[in-house]
Protein backbone atom coordinates (compact mmCIF):
# COMPACT_ATOMS: atom_id res chain seq x y z
CA MET A 1 326.46 148.96 106.41
CA LYS A 2 325.67 149.13 110.03
CA PHE A 3 328.94 147.42 110.91
CA LEU A 4 330.90 149.80 108.74
CA ARG A 5 329.23 152.80 110.27
CA ARG A 6 330.10 151.67 113.78
CA THR A 7 333.67 150.92 112.73
CA LEU A 8 334.13 154.39 111.32
CA VAL A 9 332.66 155.98 114.43
CA GLY A 10 335.08 154.01 116.61
CA ILE A 11 338.03 155.03 114.45
CA PHE A 12 336.87 158.66 114.65
CA LEU A 13 336.58 158.57 118.41
CA LEU A 14 340.02 156.89 118.68
CA GLY A 15 341.56 159.62 116.52
CA ILE A 16 340.00 162.33 118.61
CA THR A 17 341.31 160.62 121.80
CA LEU A 18 344.82 160.34 120.40
CA ALA A 19 344.73 164.00 119.36
CA TRP A 20 343.72 165.05 122.87
CA LEU A 21 346.42 162.86 124.36
CA ALA A 22 349.01 164.46 122.05
CA MET A 23 347.81 167.92 123.00
CA ALA A 24 347.97 167.02 126.72
CA GLY A 25 351.49 165.58 126.31
CA ASN A 26 352.64 168.71 124.51
CA THR A 27 351.17 170.88 127.27
CA VAL A 28 352.92 168.88 129.96
CA ARG A 29 356.24 169.02 128.05
CA GLY A 30 355.95 172.77 127.64
CA ALA A 31 355.16 173.25 131.31
CA VAL A 32 358.15 171.12 132.33
CA GLN A 33 360.50 173.04 130.04
CA ALA A 34 359.15 176.35 131.30
CA ARG A 35 359.63 175.21 134.88
CA MET A 36 363.14 174.07 134.20
CA ASN A 37 364.01 177.33 132.46
CA GLU A 38 362.77 179.44 135.37
CA GLU A 39 365.26 180.74 138.00
CA PRO A 40 365.14 178.86 141.31
CA ARG A 41 363.13 180.52 144.00
CA SER A 42 365.12 181.87 146.93
CA PHE A 43 363.64 182.12 150.40
CA PRO A 44 365.04 184.79 152.76
CA GLN A 45 367.27 183.25 155.43
CA ARG A 46 366.90 184.47 158.99
CA GLU A 47 370.21 185.04 160.84
CA ARG A 48 370.60 183.08 164.05
CA VAL A 49 371.21 185.28 167.08
CA PHE A 50 372.76 183.85 170.26
CA ALA A 51 371.99 185.05 173.76
CA VAL A 52 375.23 185.63 175.70
CA ASN A 53 376.04 186.83 179.20
CA VAL A 54 378.12 189.99 179.12
CA VAL A 55 379.99 192.10 181.66
CA THR A 56 380.84 195.76 181.35
CA LEU A 57 384.51 196.66 181.74
CA GLU A 58 384.90 199.48 184.23
CA PRO A 59 388.41 200.54 185.35
CA GLN A 60 388.87 199.91 189.05
CA ILE A 61 391.59 199.91 191.69
CA ILE A 62 391.83 196.31 192.91
CA SER A 63 394.25 194.65 195.31
CA PRO A 64 394.89 191.15 193.92
CA GLU A 65 394.58 188.27 196.34
CA VAL A 66 396.69 185.09 196.33
CA THR A 67 395.39 182.08 198.27
CA VAL A 68 397.81 179.40 199.47
CA PHE A 69 398.11 177.00 202.40
CA GLY A 70 400.55 177.20 205.30
CA GLU A 71 401.42 175.94 208.75
CA ILE A 72 401.56 177.86 212.01
CA GLU A 73 404.99 177.90 213.68
CA SER A 74 406.37 179.51 216.83
CA GLY A 75 408.80 182.35 216.31
CA ARG A 76 410.55 181.42 219.59
CA THR A 77 411.00 177.71 220.15
CA VAL A 78 413.62 176.33 222.55
CA GLU A 79 414.44 172.73 223.32
CA VAL A 80 414.88 172.46 227.09
CA ARG A 81 417.89 170.19 227.69
CA SER A 82 419.94 169.11 230.68
CA ALA A 83 423.58 170.17 230.49
CA VAL A 84 424.54 167.67 233.20
CA GLY A 85 423.24 164.24 234.05
CA GLY A 86 421.74 163.04 237.28
CA THR A 87 418.63 162.14 239.21
CA ILE A 88 415.73 164.60 239.23
CA LEU A 89 415.02 165.80 242.75
CA GLU A 90 412.36 168.41 242.06
CA THR A 91 410.15 169.56 239.18
CA ALA A 92 407.85 172.55 238.82
CA PRO A 93 404.09 171.86 238.95
CA GLU A 94 403.79 173.49 235.51
CA LEU A 95 406.23 170.93 233.99
CA VAL A 96 403.43 169.13 232.14
CA GLU A 97 402.17 169.04 228.58
CA GLY A 98 400.68 172.48 227.88
CA GLY A 99 401.96 173.95 231.14
CA VAL A 100 402.32 177.73 231.19
CA VAL A 101 405.57 178.96 232.74
CA SER A 102 407.12 182.38 233.28
CA ALA A 103 410.65 183.58 232.66
CA ASP A 104 413.32 182.48 235.17
CA GLN A 105 410.98 179.94 236.74
CA LEU A 106 412.63 176.80 238.11
CA LEU A 107 411.64 173.82 235.97
CA VAL A 108 413.90 170.96 237.11
CA LYS A 109 416.40 170.49 239.95
CA ILE A 110 418.96 167.68 239.52
CA ASP A 111 420.84 166.01 242.39
CA PRO A 112 423.91 168.31 242.91
CA ALA A 113 426.01 165.84 244.97
CA THR A 114 428.38 164.88 242.14
CA ALA A 115 428.82 168.49 241.04
CA MET A 116 429.50 169.65 244.61
CA THR A 117 432.12 166.93 245.15
CA GLN A 118 433.89 167.93 241.98
CA LEU A 119 433.73 171.58 243.01
CA ASP A 120 435.26 170.82 246.44
CA ARG A 121 438.04 168.79 244.85
CA LEU A 122 438.92 171.59 242.50
CA GLU A 123 438.92 174.12 245.31
CA VAL A 124 441.62 172.02 247.02
CA ASP A 125 443.53 171.84 243.75
CA LEU A 126 443.28 175.61 243.56
CA GLN A 127 444.88 175.96 246.97
CA ASP A 128 447.71 173.64 245.87
CA ALA A 129 448.25 175.68 242.74
CA GLN A 130 448.31 178.92 244.71
CA ALA A 131 450.87 177.44 247.17
CA GLU A 132 453.01 176.22 244.28
CA LEU A 133 452.90 179.70 242.77
CA ARG A 134 454.01 181.30 246.02
CA ASP A 135 456.89 178.78 246.34
CA ALA A 136 457.94 179.49 242.77
CA GLU A 137 457.90 183.23 243.41
CA ARG A 138 460.14 182.78 246.49
CA SER A 139 462.55 180.58 244.53
CA LEU A 140 462.67 183.19 241.82
CA THR A 141 463.53 185.89 244.34
CA LEU A 142 466.35 183.78 245.80
CA ALA A 143 467.69 183.01 242.33
CA GLN A 144 467.74 186.71 241.52
CA ASP A 145 469.66 187.45 244.75
CA GLU A 146 472.17 184.66 244.08
CA LEU A 147 472.74 185.99 240.57
CA ALA A 148 473.31 189.51 241.92
CA ALA A 149 475.87 188.17 244.47
CA ALA A 150 477.68 186.15 241.83
CA GLN A 151 477.85 189.16 239.56
CA GLN A 152 479.24 191.30 242.41
CA GLN A 153 481.89 188.65 243.19
CA GLY A 154 482.83 188.53 239.52
CA GLU A 155 483.37 192.28 239.51
CA LEU A 156 485.70 191.99 242.56
CA ARG A 157 487.72 189.22 240.90
CA GLY A 158 488.02 191.36 237.79
CA GLN A 159 489.44 194.26 239.83
CA ALA A 160 491.98 191.88 241.49
CA LEU A 161 493.10 190.76 238.04
CA LEU A 162 493.67 194.38 237.00
CA ARG A 163 495.81 195.06 240.10
CA ALA A 164 497.90 191.92 239.52
CA GLN A 165 498.59 192.92 235.94
CA ASP A 166 499.50 196.44 237.05
CA LEU A 167 501.98 195.11 239.58
CA LEU A 168 503.47 192.81 236.96
CA ASP A 169 503.90 195.73 234.60
CA ARG A 170 505.79 197.69 237.29
CA GLY A 171 507.95 194.67 238.02
CA VAL A 172 506.68 194.23 241.50
CA GLY A 173 504.24 191.35 240.93
CA THR A 174 504.68 187.89 239.56
CA ALA A 175 503.17 185.99 236.64
CA ALA A 176 501.84 183.35 239.01
CA ALA A 177 499.77 185.98 240.81
CA VAL A 178 498.31 187.20 237.51
CA GLU A 179 497.47 183.62 236.49
CA SER A 180 495.75 182.97 239.82
CA ALA A 181 493.71 186.15 239.38
CA GLU A 182 492.66 185.05 235.88
CA LEU A 183 491.55 181.66 237.19
CA ALA A 184 489.52 183.40 239.90
CA VAL A 185 487.78 185.60 237.26
CA ALA A 186 486.91 182.53 235.16
CA ALA A 187 485.46 180.77 238.21
CA ALA A 188 483.38 183.87 239.00
CA GLU A 189 482.00 183.97 235.46
CA ALA A 190 481.09 180.27 235.69
CA THR A 191 479.29 180.97 238.95
CA VAL A 192 477.36 183.85 237.31
CA LEU A 193 476.34 181.53 234.44
CA SER A 194 475.16 178.89 236.91
CA ARG A 195 473.13 181.48 238.80
CA ARG A 196 471.56 182.60 235.53
CA GLN A 197 470.51 179.03 234.81
CA SER A 198 469.00 178.82 238.27
CA LEU A 199 467.14 182.08 237.64
CA ALA A 200 465.80 180.74 234.33
CA SER A 201 464.61 177.57 236.06
CA ALA A 202 462.92 179.63 238.75
CA GLU A 203 461.16 181.75 236.13
CA ALA A 204 460.03 178.62 234.27
CA ARG A 205 458.75 177.15 237.52
CA LYS A 206 456.75 180.33 238.16
CA ASP A 207 455.29 180.23 234.64
CA LEU A 208 454.27 176.61 235.15
CA ALA A 209 452.74 177.51 238.48
CA ASN A 210 450.75 180.33 236.85
CA THR A 211 449.59 177.96 234.11
CA ARG A 212 448.51 175.36 236.62
CA LEU A 213 446.70 178.01 238.63
CA SER A 214 444.86 179.27 235.52
CA ARG A 215 443.93 175.73 234.49
CA THR A 216 442.65 174.99 237.98
CA GLN A 217 440.63 178.21 238.00
CA ILE A 218 439.05 177.25 234.64
CA SER A 219 438.18 173.80 235.94
CA LEU A 220 436.76 175.37 239.08
CA ALA A 221 434.60 177.70 236.99
CA GLU A 222 433.37 174.71 234.96
CA ALA A 223 432.56 172.85 238.15
CA GLN A 224 430.67 175.87 239.47
CA ARG A 225 428.78 176.12 236.16
CA ASP A 226 427.93 172.41 236.33
CA LEU A 227 426.63 172.95 239.82
CA ASP A 228 424.57 175.93 238.69
CA GLU A 229 423.18 173.90 235.76
CA THR A 230 421.71 171.32 238.11
CA GLU A 231 418.87 173.85 238.34
CA ILE A 232 417.16 174.51 234.98
CA TYR A 233 415.08 177.67 234.55
CA ALA A 234 412.68 178.88 231.83
CA LEU A 235 414.24 181.36 229.43
CA PHE A 236 411.01 183.26 228.68
CA ASP A 237 407.27 183.18 229.23
CA GLY A 238 405.78 180.34 227.24
CA VAL A 239 404.03 176.99 227.02
CA LEU A 240 405.69 173.58 227.47
CA ALA A 241 405.32 170.71 225.04
CA ASP A 242 406.84 167.21 224.64
CA VAL A 243 407.48 166.94 228.39
CA THR A 244 409.22 163.69 229.46
CA ALA A 245 410.77 164.59 232.84
CA ALA A 246 409.32 163.56 236.20
CA ASN A 247 410.39 163.38 239.85
CA GLY A 248 412.78 160.50 240.48
CA GLY A 249 413.71 160.15 236.83
CA ARG A 250 417.22 160.36 235.52
CA LEU A 251 418.52 162.69 232.85
CA SER A 252 421.55 162.16 230.66
CA PRO A 253 423.82 165.03 229.64
CA ASN A 254 422.27 167.05 226.78
CA GLU A 255 418.99 165.12 226.99
CA ARG A 256 415.89 167.01 225.82
CA PHE A 257 413.02 166.67 228.25
CA ALA A 258 410.68 169.48 227.08
CA THR A 259 410.11 172.13 224.42
CA LEU A 260 409.33 175.73 225.33
CA LEU A 261 407.11 177.66 222.89
CA ASP A 262 406.19 181.32 222.91
CA PRO A 263 402.47 181.47 221.95
CA SER A 264 402.55 185.25 221.61
CA GLU A 265 405.05 185.22 218.73
CA LEU A 266 403.56 182.92 216.12
CA GLU A 267 404.51 182.80 212.47
CA VAL A 268 402.99 181.14 209.45
CA ALA A 269 405.16 179.38 206.88
CA PHE A 270 403.68 178.98 203.40
CA ARG A 271 404.96 178.14 199.94
CA VAL A 272 404.16 180.14 196.80
CA SER A 273 404.97 179.45 193.17
CA THR A 274 407.81 181.21 191.42
CA SER A 275 405.42 183.40 189.42
CA GLN A 276 403.53 184.40 192.58
CA TYR A 277 406.84 185.12 194.30
CA ALA A 278 407.90 187.39 191.42
CA GLN A 279 404.71 189.42 191.92
CA LEU A 280 405.69 190.08 195.56
CA LEU A 281 409.01 191.78 194.70
CA ASN A 282 409.60 195.51 194.49
CA ASP A 283 411.58 197.37 191.85
CA GLU A 284 414.84 196.52 193.65
CA GLY A 285 414.08 192.80 193.65
CA ARG A 286 413.39 192.64 197.39
CA LEU A 287 410.44 190.98 199.06
CA ILE A 288 407.77 193.50 200.05
CA ASP A 289 406.05 193.55 203.44
CA ALA A 290 402.74 192.41 201.99
CA PRO A 291 399.80 192.04 204.42
CA ILE A 292 398.23 188.60 204.80
CA GLU A 293 395.17 187.04 206.39
CA VAL A 294 395.21 183.60 208.01
CA GLU A 295 392.05 181.52 208.36
CA LEU A 296 391.61 178.31 210.36
CA ASP A 297 388.36 176.42 209.81
CA VAL A 298 387.46 174.63 213.06
CA SER A 299 384.18 172.75 212.72
CA GLY A 300 382.60 175.63 210.84
CA LEU A 301 383.97 178.24 213.27
CA ASN A 302 386.64 180.24 211.50
CA GLN A 303 389.64 181.55 213.44
CA THR A 304 391.25 184.46 211.61
CA ALA A 305 394.40 186.49 212.12
CA SER A 306 396.33 189.11 210.21
CA GLY A 307 400.03 189.52 209.69
CA THR A 308 402.87 190.74 207.48
CA ILE A 309 405.44 188.90 205.39
CA ILE A 310 408.86 189.32 207.03
CA ARG A 311 411.31 186.98 205.29
CA GLU A 312 411.86 184.11 202.87
CA SER A 313 413.84 180.90 202.91
CA ALA A 314 417.51 181.11 201.92
CA ALA A 315 417.40 178.13 199.54
CA VAL A 316 414.93 175.80 197.86
CA ALA A 317 414.82 172.38 199.50
CA ASP A 318 415.44 169.23 197.49
CA GLY A 319 412.36 168.10 195.62
CA GLN A 320 410.54 171.40 196.26
CA THR A 321 409.55 174.26 193.96
CA GLY A 322 408.66 177.91 194.44
CA ARG A 323 409.62 179.87 197.53
CA LEU A 324 408.97 179.34 201.23
CA LEU A 325 407.84 182.58 202.89
CA PHE A 326 407.33 183.48 206.54
CA ALA A 327 404.89 186.00 207.96
CA LYS A 328 404.54 187.31 211.51
CA LEU A 329 401.04 187.22 212.96
CA ASP A 330 399.60 190.07 215.01
CA ASP A 331 396.62 188.45 216.72
CA THR A 332 397.12 184.75 217.51
CA THR A 333 393.98 184.05 219.53
CA GLY A 334 392.90 180.45 219.02
CA LEU A 335 395.92 179.47 216.90
CA ARG A 336 398.56 176.94 217.90
CA PRO A 337 401.83 175.79 216.31
CA GLY A 338 401.14 173.00 213.83
CA ASP A 339 397.74 174.30 212.66
CA PHE A 340 397.16 173.93 208.90
CA VAL A 341 395.65 177.22 207.72
CA THR A 342 394.59 179.07 204.61
CA VAL A 343 396.74 182.12 203.82
CA LYS A 344 395.45 185.02 201.72
CA ILE A 345 398.15 187.39 200.47
CA ASN A 346 397.17 190.92 199.43
CA ARG A 347 399.35 192.12 196.57
CA PRO A 348 399.94 195.82 195.84
CA GLU A 349 396.95 197.58 194.27
CA LEU A 350 396.55 197.58 190.49
CA ASN A 351 394.98 200.63 188.84
CA GLY A 352 392.79 200.54 185.74
CA VAL A 353 391.93 196.85 185.87
CA ALA A 354 388.70 194.83 185.85
CA LEU A 355 387.78 191.56 187.54
CA VAL A 356 386.10 189.25 185.00
CA PRO A 357 385.34 185.51 184.89
CA SER A 358 388.24 183.43 183.66
CA SER A 359 385.93 181.95 180.98
CA ALA A 360 385.81 185.40 179.33
CA VAL A 361 389.48 185.23 178.28
CA GLY A 362 390.51 182.76 175.60
CA THR A 363 393.68 180.71 175.50
CA ASP A 364 395.09 183.22 173.01
CA ASN A 365 394.57 186.11 175.49
CA THR A 366 391.63 187.59 173.61
CA VAL A 367 388.11 188.66 174.60
CA LEU A 368 384.91 188.96 172.55
CA VAL A 369 383.60 192.54 172.57
CA VAL A 370 380.00 193.46 171.69
CA ASN A 371 379.90 196.40 169.26
CA GLU A 372 377.09 198.88 168.55
CA GLU A 373 375.43 196.47 166.10
CA ASN A 374 375.36 193.69 168.71
CA ARG A 375 378.02 191.75 166.87
CA LEU A 376 381.16 190.27 168.36
CA GLU A 377 384.68 191.54 167.79
CA LEU A 378 387.99 190.10 168.95
CA ALA A 379 390.18 192.27 171.17
CA GLU A 380 393.57 191.39 172.65
CA THR A 381 394.24 191.56 176.37
CA ARG A 382 396.49 189.93 178.97
CA VAL A 383 395.92 188.26 182.29
CA LEU A 384 397.54 190.17 185.16
CA HIS A 385 396.43 187.87 187.95
CA ARG A 386 394.28 184.78 188.49
CA GLN A 387 392.07 184.87 191.54
CA GLY A 388 389.99 181.72 191.93
CA ASP A 389 387.54 181.51 189.00
CA ASP A 390 388.19 185.14 188.03
CA VAL A 391 391.05 186.99 186.38
CA LEU A 392 392.31 190.58 186.41
CA ILE A 393 392.80 192.19 183.01
CA PRO A 394 393.77 195.75 182.03
CA VAL A 395 390.83 197.82 180.78
CA GLY A 396 392.58 200.38 178.57
CA ALA A 397 390.60 201.27 175.44
CA LEU A 398 387.86 198.77 176.33
CA ALA A 399 386.55 200.92 179.18
CA GLY A 400 382.75 200.95 179.24
CA ARG A 401 382.35 198.21 176.64
CA ASP A 402 380.68 194.84 177.10
CA ILE A 403 382.54 191.55 176.70
CA VAL A 404 381.24 187.99 176.62
CA ALA A 405 381.48 186.52 180.11
CA GLU A 406 381.24 182.86 179.07
CA ARG A 407 382.81 181.96 175.75
CA SER A 408 381.72 178.84 173.89
CA PRO A 409 382.50 177.22 170.51
CA LEU A 410 379.18 178.60 169.14
CA VAL A 411 380.18 182.26 169.38
CA GLY A 412 382.96 184.03 167.56
CA ALA A 413 383.90 187.23 165.79
CA GLY A 414 381.14 188.62 163.51
CA ILE A 415 378.27 186.66 165.08
CA GLY A 416 375.15 188.54 166.11
CA VAL A 417 374.24 188.24 169.77
CA ARG A 418 371.61 189.30 172.26
CA PRO A 419 373.47 190.61 175.33
CA ILE A 420 372.22 189.61 178.76
CA ARG A 421 373.68 191.84 181.44
CA PRO A 422 373.92 190.99 185.13
CA GLY A 423 370.54 191.44 186.82
CA GLN A 424 368.75 191.26 183.45
CA GLY A 425 367.44 187.74 183.90
CA ILE A 426 364.14 186.21 182.86
CA GLU A 427 361.24 188.09 184.35
CA GLU A 428 359.33 186.05 186.87
CA PRO A 429 355.67 185.50 185.95
CA GLU A 430 353.11 187.37 187.95
CA PRO A 431 351.30 185.27 190.52
CA PRO A 432 347.88 184.04 189.27
CA GLN A 433 344.79 185.91 190.35
CA MET A 434 342.85 184.00 192.99
CA VAL A 435 339.04 183.88 193.37
CA ALA A 436 336.87 182.62 196.22
CA LEU A 437 334.15 180.08 195.20
CA ASP A 438 330.78 179.66 196.84
CA ALA A 439 329.56 176.15 197.72
CA GLU A 440 327.22 175.75 194.73
CA ARG A 441 329.76 176.88 192.15
CA ARG A 442 332.45 174.69 193.73
CA ALA A 443 330.14 171.63 193.65
CA LYS A 444 329.33 172.14 189.95
CA LEU A 445 333.02 172.41 189.06
CA LEU A 446 333.94 169.31 191.12
CA ALA A 447 331.12 167.28 189.55
CA PHE A 448 332.22 168.26 186.06
CA VAL A 449 335.83 167.35 186.70
CA GLU A 450 335.00 163.99 188.29
CA ASN A 451 332.62 163.00 185.43
CA SER A 452 334.97 164.15 182.65
CA ARG A 453 337.35 161.93 180.66
CA MET A 454 340.47 163.64 181.94
CA PRO A 455 343.47 161.52 183.00
CA ASP A 456 343.46 160.58 186.66
CA PRO A 457 346.55 162.67 187.57
CA VAL A 458 344.92 165.76 186.02
CA LYS A 459 341.67 165.09 187.87
CA THR A 460 343.52 164.74 191.16
CA ARG A 461 345.40 167.99 190.66
CA LEU A 462 342.26 169.94 189.66
CA VAL A 463 340.23 168.52 192.54
CA ALA A 464 342.98 169.51 194.99
CA GLN A 465 342.97 173.06 193.59
CA LEU A 466 339.16 173.34 193.67
CA GLU A 467 339.03 172.23 197.29
CA GLN A 468 341.18 175.18 198.39
CA ASP A 469 339.64 178.34 199.83
CA GLU A 470 340.91 180.34 196.85
CA VAL A 471 341.32 178.93 193.33
CA PRO A 472 343.30 180.44 190.42
CA SER A 473 340.90 182.34 188.20
CA ASP A 474 342.37 180.92 184.97
CA VAL A 475 341.62 177.35 186.18
CA VAL A 476 337.99 178.26 186.93
CA GLU A 477 337.55 180.01 183.58
CA ARG A 478 339.03 177.05 181.69
CA ILE A 479 336.71 174.51 183.39
CA GLU A 480 333.62 176.68 182.98
CA GLY A 481 334.47 177.19 179.33
CA ARG A 482 334.44 173.44 178.79
CA MET A 483 331.15 173.13 180.72
CA GLY A 484 329.53 175.67 178.41
CA SER A 485 330.71 173.82 175.27
């Protein structure tokens, strides 16, 4: 009986346990179904706002600036050459590299012996030609007189022929007399023809004599010019370069022995691109007289000069692009031909434009504008001029509005931003308040720091601060707070 009773109690307890387990399983199943049937919870998402640098577009009148490189050249450069050859007898003291000469100053004197001999010979030839001309003129006069006499004799013979024919017609004369008169007339005409030939020869001789005289005079003038060119003078005030002549040396005809430069008339030659050249043309397609500034950096000391564009090259050289322009310089102090300089060209002024960073304009010629809700909008624009890292764009309807100065892939149309304007940087923290410590208080603080478990670098820094005459108050308060704890 006792065994049966215990068995029944065990079965009862097992049934109760199974019932509780079933109830617990049903509760869990109901909770899971209820959870699954519920709508998912949604948490509010916070929009990400980007901080961007902005610039305000204000219409301005700006003169665009183009920066290129150029080379200084002399506007007046002459190669000094010797027209005749010979030995150098004399040179000017200024005939050296960098020598300063004045106009009409004697530079070189060449031995004139050969030129003088040639001149003397031609002067003798001139006398011969003049004598020949006088002889020809006398021969011409005699030929004219002989022709006149022959013509007069022919007239007399013609009258004798008329008388003989008249006598024959009256029956007094004879046919033989008439025939003799005719033969005399024919002989007179032959004499006149011969005298005419002599006159023509005399005239030809005179023409030849005149030609010879003219040729001799030309040769004499050349000889005189050669003699004059044995002395070489400076054409204008200037500076000499590439000097190779010296006393006792010998020059060949047309040999260059120096170069004369005018340092007061310097030009700068520089090349611009085709697009930059197009911006320097007026409405008629002519190059404008744009002002320029030239800068030469010499060991940190800048030499500057101003000038004006005066002309352009007639053609583009092989292998080159753009246009070669020339500008005349006003003040050339410190500049020399051959200097490599920086040229800044001032274009005509543009009205209603703004100078913004080039990073503010996208490749599609758009800018990001900040609206009233601090969101970005796309606006179209166009680049009028690039100036270093900045560009000029027209303001138009965007006047007074802010645009993003530095675009990045993270910002775009519709994104919320926090504008940061120029001068609106991060505020600098106020300097810490300093307190002066007495000896006892300083000793307590140093003892606490040295006996604490702080890292050695921190201990060193705090000890260095506590040993100063004045210590930041926040450091003292922090250490004393730990001492009190």
